[in-house]
């Protein structure tokens, strides 16, 4: 599997856009876009999770809040994916040798993303009332912890 990913990374590095990313000063701006999207993505996730946990203003139920933030949440996720893909395409083979990168994208991101989708779907049921069930609170806490693992792994990836 690693050989296949390495071959893909090498192919991406050979594309014209990857060469531009690698050889000009655009890389930090792509990082800025990626991190900005990540901030909105994690911010909207965390706001809903904290509301499920019973924190924050109670003007809206957790379900109403999740519905109100749904579009922003997934637009931000799209920005994160696009930015991450562009960053990877510039120097993917270098990233693949980094253990933190492999753990982040191979374990934590898929787990956190699957868990996020589960919470998003369940909050419609869990979050109808001002008080949420204990299982919902556990689900929200697990989501926060999973995204914290993603961010912690990302911090350990060198800035190339």
C-alpha atoms as a PDB file:
ATOM      1  CA  UNK A   1       0.000   0.000   0.000  1.00  0.00           C
ATOM      2  CA  UNK A   2       2.834   2.370   0.847  1.00  0.00           C
ATOM      3  CA  UNK A   3       4.396   1.775  -2.569  1.00  0.00           C
ATOM      4  CA  UNK A   4       1.138   2.706  -4.267  1.00  0.00           C
ATOM      5  CA  UNK A   5       0.809   5.899  -2.194  1.00  0.00           C
ATOM      6  CA  UNK A   6       4.438   6.775  -2.854  1.00  0.00           C
ATOM      7  CA  UNK A   7       3.933   6.298  -6.608  1.00  0.00           C
ATOM      8  CA  UNK A   8       0.827   8.510  -6.469  1.00  0.00           C
ATOM      9  CA  UNK A   9       2.729  11.166  -4.503  1.00  0.00           C
ATOM     10  CA  UNK A  10       5.588  11.111  -7.027  1.00  0.00           C
ATOM     11  CA  UNK A  11       3.113  11.392  -9.914  1.00  0.00           C
ATOM     12  CA  UNK A  12       1.376  14.347  -8.224  1.00  0.00           C
ATOM     13  CA  UNK A  13       4.730  16.039  -7.609  1.00  0.00           C
ATOM     14  CA  UNK A  14       5.375  15.848 -11.354  1.00  0.00           C
ATOM     15  CA  UNK A  15       2.231  17.764 -12.305  1.00  0.00           C
ATOM     16  CA  UNK A  16       2.496  21.372 -13.407  1.00  0.00           C
ATOM     17  CA  UNK A  17       0.462  22.751 -10.481  1.00  0.00           C
ATOM     18  CA  UNK A  18       2.590  20.825  -7.976  1.00  0.00           C
ATOM     19  CA  UNK A  19       5.737  22.256  -9.524  1.00  0.00           C
ATOM     20  CA  UNK A  20       4.306  25.768  -9.126  1.00  0.00           C
ATOM     21  CA  UNK A  21       3.422  25.024  -5.495  1.00  0.00           C
ATOM     22  CA  UNK A  22       6.895  23.649  -4.791  1.00  0.00           C
ATOM     23  CA  UNK A  23       8.989  26.215  -6.671  1.00  0.00           C
ATOM     24  CA  UNK A  24       7.219  29.515  -5.992  1.00  0.00           C
ATOM     25  CA  UNK A  25       6.196  31.314  -2.825  1.00  0.00           C
ATOM     26  CA  UNK A  26       2.589  30.114  -3.002  1.00  0.00           C
ATOM     27  CA  UNK A  27       2.953  27.251  -0.481  1.00  0.00           C
ATOM     28  CA  UNK A  28       2.414  29.424   2.645  1.00  0.00           C
ATOM     29  CA  UNK A  29      -0.746  30.889   1.116  1.00  0.00           C
ATOM     30  CA  UNK A  30      -2.138  27.428   0.458  1.00  0.00           C
ATOM     31  CA  UNK A  31      -1.332  26.571   4.076  1.00  0.00           C
ATOM     32  CA  UNK A  32      -3.238  29.690   5.126  1.00  0.00           C
ATOM     33  CA  UNK A  33      -6.269  28.594   3.110  1.00  0.00           C
ATOM     34  CA  UNK A  34      -6.026  25.052   4.510  1.00  0.00           C
ATOM     35  CA  UNK A  35      -5.697  26.266   8.106  1.00  0.00           C
ATOM     36  CA  UNK A  36      -8.485  28.835   7.690  1.00  0.00           C
ATOM     37  CA  UNK A  37     -10.831  26.144   6.430  1.00  0.00           C
ATOM     38  CA  UNK A  38      -9.723  23.902   9.280  1.00  0.00           C
ATOM     39  CA  UNK A  39     -10.489  26.645  11.782  1.00  0.00           C
ATOM     40  CA  UNK A  40     -14.044  27.053  10.496  1.00  0.00           C
ATOM     41  CA  UNK A  41     -14.526  23.266  10.195  1.00  0.00           C
ATOM     42  CA  UNK A  42     -13.345  22.575  13.748  1.00  0.00           C
ATOM     43  CA  UNK A  43     -15.069  25.677  15.079  1.00  0.00           C
ATOM     44  CA  UNK A  44     -18.481  24.668  13.765  1.00  0.00           C
ATOM     45  CA  UNK A  45     -17.950  21.086  14.966  1.00  0.00           C
ATOM     46  CA  UNK A  46     -16.922  22.229  18.415  1.00  0.00           C
ATOM     47  CA  UNK A  47     -19.777  24.716  18.778  1.00  0.00           C
ATOM     48  CA  UNK A  48     -22.319  21.968  18.108  1.00  0.00           C
ATOM     49  CA  UNK A  49     -20.478  19.500  20.352  1.00  0.00           C
ATOM     50  CA  UNK A  50     -20.328  22.002  23.201  1.00  0.00           C
ATOM     51  CA  UNK A  51     -24.041  22.691  22.792  1.00  0.00           C
ATOM     52  CA  UNK A  52     -24.716  18.941  22.976  1.00  0.00           C
ATOM     53  CA  UNK A  53     -22.666  18.920  26.170  1.00  0.00           C
ATOM     54  CA  UNK A  54     -25.007  21.589  27.534  1.00  0.00           C
ATOM     55  CA  UNK A  55     -22.598  24.499  27.304  1.00  0.00           C
ATOM     56  CA  UNK A  56     -23.263  27.829  25.661  1.00  0.00           C
ATOM     57  CA  UNK A  57     -26.395  29.882  25.237  1.00  0.00           C
ATOM     58  CA  UNK A  58     -29.599  27.939  25.091  1.00  0.00           C
ATOM     59  CA  UNK A  59     -31.433  30.052  22.521  1.00  0.00           C
ATOM     60  CA  UNK A  60     -31.329  27.087  20.145  1.00  0.00           C
ATOM     61  CA  UNK A  61     -31.388  23.369  20.681  1.00  0.00           C
ATOM     62  CA  UNK A  62     -28.329  21.429  19.556  1.00  0.00           C
ATOM     63  CA  UNK A  63     -30.327  20.189  16.551  1.00  0.00           C
ATOM     64  CA  UNK A  64     -31.231  23.736  15.493  1.00  0.00           C
ATOM     65  CA  UNK A  65     -27.639  24.884  15.922  1.00  0.00           C
ATOM     66  CA  UNK A  66     -26.305  21.945  13.919  1.00  0.00           C
ATOM     67  CA  UNK A  67     -28.777  22.674  11.135  1.00  0.00           C
ATOM     68  CA  UNK A  68     -27.841  26.364  11.100  1.00  0.00           C
ATOM     69  CA  UNK A  69     -24.111  25.558  10.834  1.00  0.00           C
ATOM     70  CA  UNK A  70     -24.350  22.567   8.479  1.00  0.00           C
ATOM     71  CA  UNK A  71     -23.615  24.460   5.254  1.00  0.00           C
ATOM     72  CA  UNK A  72     -20.671  26.367   6.740  1.00  0.00           C
ATOM     73  CA  UNK A  73     -19.346  23.157   8.227  1.00  0.00           C
ATOM     74  CA  UNK A  74     -19.213  21.300   4.917  1.00  0.00           C
ATOM     75  CA  UNK A  75     -17.992  24.293   2.889  1.00  0.00           C
ATOM     76  CA  UNK A  76     -15.109  24.576   5.344  1.00  0.00           C
ATOM     77  CA  UNK A  77     -14.435  20.845   5.040  1.00  0.00           C
ATOM     78  CA  UNK A  78     -14.236  21.206   1.251  1.00  0.00           C
ATOM     79  CA  UNK A  79     -11.682  24.007   1.674  1.00  0.00           C
ATOM     80  CA  UNK A  80      -9.661  21.824   4.062  1.00  0.00           C
ATOM     81  CA  UNK A  81      -9.626  18.911   1.612  1.00  0.00           C
ATOM     82  CA  UNK A  82      -8.690  21.102  -1.362  1.00  0.00           C
ATOM     83  CA  UNK A  83      -5.947  22.880   0.580  1.00  0.00           C
ATOM     84  CA  UNK A  84      -4.608  19.610   1.972  1.00  0.00           C
ATOM     85  CA  UNK A  85      -4.590  18.022  -1.469  1.00  0.00           C
ATOM     86  CA  UNK A  86      -2.670  20.967  -2.932  1.00  0.00           C
ATOM     87  CA  UNK A  87      -0.168  20.906  -0.059  1.00  0.00           C
ATOM     88  CA  UNK A  88       0.287  17.160  -0.486  1.00  0.00           C
ATOM     89  CA  UNK A  89       0.637  17.385  -4.255  1.00  0.00           C
ATOM     90  CA  UNK A  90       3.602  19.724  -3.916  1.00  0.00           C
ATOM     91  CA  UNK A  91       5.694  17.497  -1.635  1.00  0.00           C
ATOM     92  CA  UNK A  92       3.670  14.372  -0.944  1.00  0.00           C
ATOM     93  CA  UNK A  93       6.575  11.914  -0.976  1.00  0.00           C
ATOM     94  CA  UNK A  94       8.201  13.938   1.807  1.00  0.00           C
ATOM     95  CA  UNK A  95       4.997  13.861   3.851  1.00  0.00           C
ATOM     96  CA  UNK A  96       4.579  10.106   3.448  1.00  0.00           C
ATOM     97  CA  UNK A  97       7.783   9.338   5.340  1.00  0.00           C
ATOM     98  CA  UNK A  98       6.536  11.353   8.334  1.00  0.00           C
ATOM     99  CA  UNK A  99       4.930   9.099  10.963  1.00  0.00           C
ATOM    100  CA  UNK A 100       2.689  11.888  12.290  1.00  0.00           C
ATOM    101  CA  UNK A 101       1.312  12.478   8.795  1.00  0.00           C
ATOM    102  CA  UNK A 102       0.567   8.789   8.332  1.00  0.00           C
ATOM    103  CA  UNK A 103      -1.147   8.538  11.725  1.00  0.00           C
ATOM    104  CA  UNK A 104      -3.112  11.732  11.088  1.00  0.00           C
ATOM    105  CA  UNK A 105      -4.417  10.759   7.650  1.00  0.00           C
ATOM    106  CA  UNK A 106      -4.443   7.005   8.094  1.00  0.00           C
ATOM    107  CA  UNK A 107      -6.098   6.755  11.499  1.00  0.00           C
ATOM    108  CA  UNK A 108      -7.316   9.949  13.153  1.00  0.00           C
ATOM    109  CA  UNK A 109      -8.902  11.788  10.207  1.00  0.00           C
ATOM    110  CA  UNK A 110     -10.986   8.804   9.029  1.00  0.00           C
ATOM    111  CA  UNK A 111     -12.111   8.012  12.598  1.00  0.00           C
ATOM    112  CA  UNK A 112     -12.932  11.629  13.390  1.00  0.00           C
ATOM    113  CA  UNK A 113     -14.745  12.135  10.096  1.00  0.00           C
ATOM    114  CA  UNK A 114     -16.867   8.993  10.502  1.00  0.00           C
ATOM    115  CA  UNK A 115     -17.638   9.968  14.084  1.00  0.00           C
ATOM    116  CA  UNK A 116     -18.539  13.498  12.968  1.00  0.00           C
ATOM    117  CA  UNK A 117     -21.041  12.171  10.419  1.00  0.00           C
ATOM    118  CA  UNK A 118     -22.581   9.936  13.091  1.00  0.00           C
ATOM    119  CA  UNK A 119     -22.906  12.857  15.515  1.00  0.00           C
ATOM    120  CA  UNK A 120     -24.319  15.098  12.747  1.00  0.00           C
ATOM    121  CA  UNK A 121     -27.010  12.541  11.993  1.00  0.00           C
ATOM    122  CA  UNK A 122     -27.786  11.709  15.608  1.00  0.00           C
ATOM    123  CA  UNK A 123     -27.940  15.334  16.796  1.00  0.00           C
ATOM    124  CA  UNK A 124     -31.211  15.691  14.907  1.00  0.00           C
ATOM    125  CA  UNK A 125     -32.702  13.204  17.371  1.00  0.00           C
ATOM    126  CA  UNK A 126     -30.507  13.869  20.401  1.00  0.00           C
ATOM    127  CA  UNK A 127     -30.655  17.631  20.256  1.00  0.00           C
ATOM    128  CA  UNK A 128     -34.370  18.337  19.956  1.00  0.00           C
ATOM    129  CA  UNK A 129     -34.753  19.156  23.633  1.00  0.00           C
ATOM    130  CA  UNK A 130     -32.717  21.519  25.770  1.00  0.00           C
ATOM    131  CA  UNK A 131     -31.383  18.549  27.762  1.00  0.00           C
ATOM    132  CA  UNK A 132     -29.542  15.900  25.768  1.00  0.00           C
ATOM    133  CA  UNK A 133     -29.103  12.241  26.723  1.00  0.00           C
ATOM    134  CA  UNK A 134     -25.869  11.018  28.285  1.00  0.00           C
ATOM    135  CA  UNK A 135     -24.931   9.005  25.180  1.00  0.00           C
ATOM    136  CA  UNK A 136     -25.141  12.202  23.129  1.00  0.00           C
ATOM    137  CA  UNK A 137     -22.823  13.975  25.523  1.00  0.00           C
ATOM    138  CA  UNK A 138     -20.376  11.090  25.319  1.00  0.00           C
ATOM    139  CA  UNK A 139     -20.565  11.211  21.518  1.00  0.00           C
ATOM    140  CA  UNK A 140     -19.844  14.949  21.485  1.00  0.00           C
ATOM    141  CA  UNK A 141     -16.912  14.537  23.873  1.00  0.00           C
ATOM    142  CA  UNK A 142     -15.446  11.732  21.751  1.00  0.00           C
ATOM    143  CA  UNK A 143     -15.717  13.907  18.649  1.00  0.00           C
ATOM    144  CA  UNK A 144     -13.885  16.781  20.330  1.00  0.00           C
ATOM    145  CA  UNK A 145     -11.147  14.393  21.477  1.00  0.00           C
ATOM    146  CA  UNK A 146     -10.773  12.826  18.022  1.00  0.00           C
ATOM    147  CA  UNK A 147     -10.348  16.218  16.347  1.00  0.00           C
ATOM    148  CA  UNK A 148      -7.878  17.168  19.073  1.00  0.00           C
ATOM    149  CA  UNK A 149      -5.884  14.051  18.094  1.00  0.00           C
ATOM    150  CA  UNK A 150      -5.957  15.177  14.439  1.00  0.00           C
ATOM    151  CA  UNK A 151      -4.653  18.629  15.351  1.00  0.00           C
ATOM    152  CA  UNK A 152      -1.996  17.204  17.681  1.00  0.00           C
ATOM    153  CA  UNK A 153      -0.728  14.883  14.945  1.00  0.00           C
ATOM    154  CA  UNK A 154      -0.713  17.807  12.485  1.00  0.00           C
ATOM    155  CA  UNK A 155       1.484  19.834  14.814  1.00  0.00           C
ATOM    156  CA  UNK A 156       4.101  17.105  14.581  1.00  0.00           C
ATOM    157  CA  UNK A 157       4.289  17.334  10.780  1.00  0.00           C
ATOM    158  CA  UNK A 158       7.272  19.506   9.814  1.00  0.00           C
ATOM    159  CA  UNK A 159       6.626  22.701   7.896  1.00  0.00           C
ATOM    160  CA  UNK A 160       8.411  22.238   4.585  1.00  0.00           C
END
